[in-house]
Amino acid sequence: VCNSTELEEIVYDLDVGAFVVSWPTEPNRRTGKECGKVLHVLDVLAERQNPLISKNMPFTFWNTHLNLTTHPSKNDWLLSPMEEHMRLQDDEETNSENAFEVL
């Protein structure tokens, strides 16, 4: 674990061009308290005097519960949190409709 100044040194020493950020969803793939902590850290890094997150230093989320061997689409891991939320809502609606049909 390092502070933002140490992270800045690492970024510049290694010529980092972007970040892959762990997106620790719950096992049911919903966002929870841990995702809020990640967003807080990203805010801190973006609001520094020398921002580590910016248009010039982008980031993407990596869904930590995603298993690419069981997912049909290799592009699932590229979804933004909002896209993932929308997809989960669609899945729930489909499951609700299917459950109704079974009754």
Protein backbone atom coordinates (compact mmCIF):
# COMPACT_ATOMS: atom_id res chain seq x y z
CA VAL A 1 0.00 0.00 0.00
CA CYS A 2 1.34 3.42 -0.90
CA ASN A 3 0.18 7.00 -0.69
CA SER A 4 -0.66 9.14 -3.73
CA THR A 5 2.80 10.75 -3.83
CA GLU A 6 4.48 7.34 -3.96
CA LEU A 7 1.99 6.24 -6.61
CA GLU A 8 2.80 9.35 -8.64
CA GLU A 9 6.53 8.48 -8.51
CA ILE A 10 5.81 4.91 -9.67
CA VAL A 11 3.57 6.17 -12.50
CA TYR A 12 6.24 8.52 -13.83
CA ASP A 13 9.19 6.15 -13.24
CA LEU A 14 7.45 3.36 -15.16
CA ASP A 15 5.85 5.66 -17.77
CA VAL A 16 2.35 4.34 -16.99
CA GLY A 17 -0.21 5.35 -19.59
CA ALA A 18 -3.44 4.11 -17.98
CA PHE A 19 -4.81 2.25 -14.97
CA VAL A 20 -6.80 -0.96 -14.68
CA VAL A 21 -8.80 -0.55 -11.48
CA SER A 22 -10.32 -3.44 -9.56
CA TRP A 23 -14.11 -3.13 -9.47
CA PRO A 24 -15.00 -5.33 -6.49
CA THR A 25 -18.65 -6.09 -7.10
CA GLU A 26 -20.55 -8.38 -4.79
CA PRO A 27 -20.72 -12.07 -5.79
CA ASN A 28 -24.16 -11.30 -7.32
CA ARG A 29 -22.34 -8.67 -9.45
CA ARG A 30 -24.02 -5.70 -7.76
CA THR A 31 -22.02 -2.75 -6.54
CA GLY A 32 -21.52 -2.46 -2.82
CA LYS A 33 -19.54 -0.64 -0.16
CA GLU A 34 -16.20 -1.70 -1.63
CA CYS A 35 -17.05 -0.12 -5.02
CA GLY A 36 -17.82 3.11 -3.17
CA LYS A 37 -14.34 3.01 -1.64
CA VAL A 38 -12.82 2.58 -5.10
CA LEU A 39 -14.76 5.59 -6.39
CA HIS A 40 -13.57 7.64 -3.42
CA VAL A 41 -9.91 6.78 -4.15
CA LEU A 42 -10.40 7.65 -7.84
CA ASP A 43 -11.89 11.01 -6.82
CA VAL A 44 -8.87 11.71 -4.62
CA LEU A 45 -6.48 10.80 -7.44
CA ALA A 46 -8.41 12.96 -9.94
CA GLU A 47 -8.67 16.00 -7.66
CA ARG A 48 -4.98 16.24 -6.73
CA GLN A 49 -2.94 19.26 -7.80
CA ASN A 50 -1.22 16.90 -10.29
CA PRO A 51 -4.09 14.51 -11.09
CA LEU A 52 -3.21 10.86 -11.57
CA ILE A 53 -6.58 10.20 -13.22
CA SER A 54 -7.44 12.48 -16.14
CA LYS A 55 -8.12 12.50 -19.88
CA ASN A 56 -4.39 11.99 -20.35
CA MET A 57 -4.27 9.20 -17.75
CA PRO A 58 -7.45 7.16 -18.25
CA PHE A 59 -8.62 4.12 -16.35
CA THR A 60 -10.91 1.16 -16.85
CA PHE A 61 -12.60 -1.08 -14.32
CA TRP A 62 -11.80 -4.77 -14.04
CA ASN A 63 -14.71 -6.74 -12.60
CA THR A 64 -13.08 -8.98 -9.99
CA HIS A 65 -15.95 -11.50 -10.05
CA LEU A 66 -15.89 -11.92 -13.80
CA ASN A 67 -14.77 -15.29 -15.07
CA LEU A 68 -14.05 -14.93 -18.79
CA THR A 69 -14.20 -18.69 -19.30
CA THR A 70 -17.89 -18.80 -18.32
CA HIS A 71 -19.09 -15.56 -19.93
CA PRO A 72 -20.35 -15.66 -23.49
CA SER A 73 -18.93 -12.27 -24.47
CA LYS A 74 -15.24 -11.46 -24.21
CA ASN A 75 -16.25 -7.76 -24.16
CA ASP A 76 -18.18 -8.05 -20.85
CA TRP A 77 -15.16 -6.87 -18.88
CA LEU A 78 -15.15 -3.61 -20.85
CA LEU A 79 -18.54 -2.51 -19.52
CA SER A 80 -18.62 0.64 -17.46
CA PRO A 81 -20.28 0.35 -14.05
CA MET A 82 -23.39 2.08 -15.45
CA GLU A 83 -23.56 -0.31 -18.41
CA GLU A 84 -23.11 -3.25 -16.04
CA HIS A 85 -25.92 -1.90 -13.81
CA MET A 86 -28.23 -1.52 -16.81
CA ARG A 87 -27.40 -5.05 -17.97
CA LEU A 88 -28.14 -6.46 -14.52
CA GLN A 89 -31.52 -4.69 -14.53
CA ASP A 90 -32.29 -6.22 -17.93
CA ASP A 91 -31.27 -9.65 -16.62
CA GLU A 92 -33.54 -9.23 -13.58
CA GLU A 93 -36.48 -8.19 -15.76
CA THR A 94 -35.91 -11.21 -18.01
CA ASN A 95 -35.65 -13.51 -15.01
CA SER A 96 -38.85 -12.01 -13.53
CA GLU A 97 -40.68 -12.51 -16.82
CA ASN A 98 -39.41 -16.08 -17.07
CA ALA A 99 -40.43 -16.79 -13.49
CA PHE A 100 -43.92 -15.49 -14.26
CA GLU A 101 -44.15 -17.72 -17.33
CA VAL A 102 -43.25 -20.77 -15.24
CA LEU A 103 -46.10 -20.05 -12.80
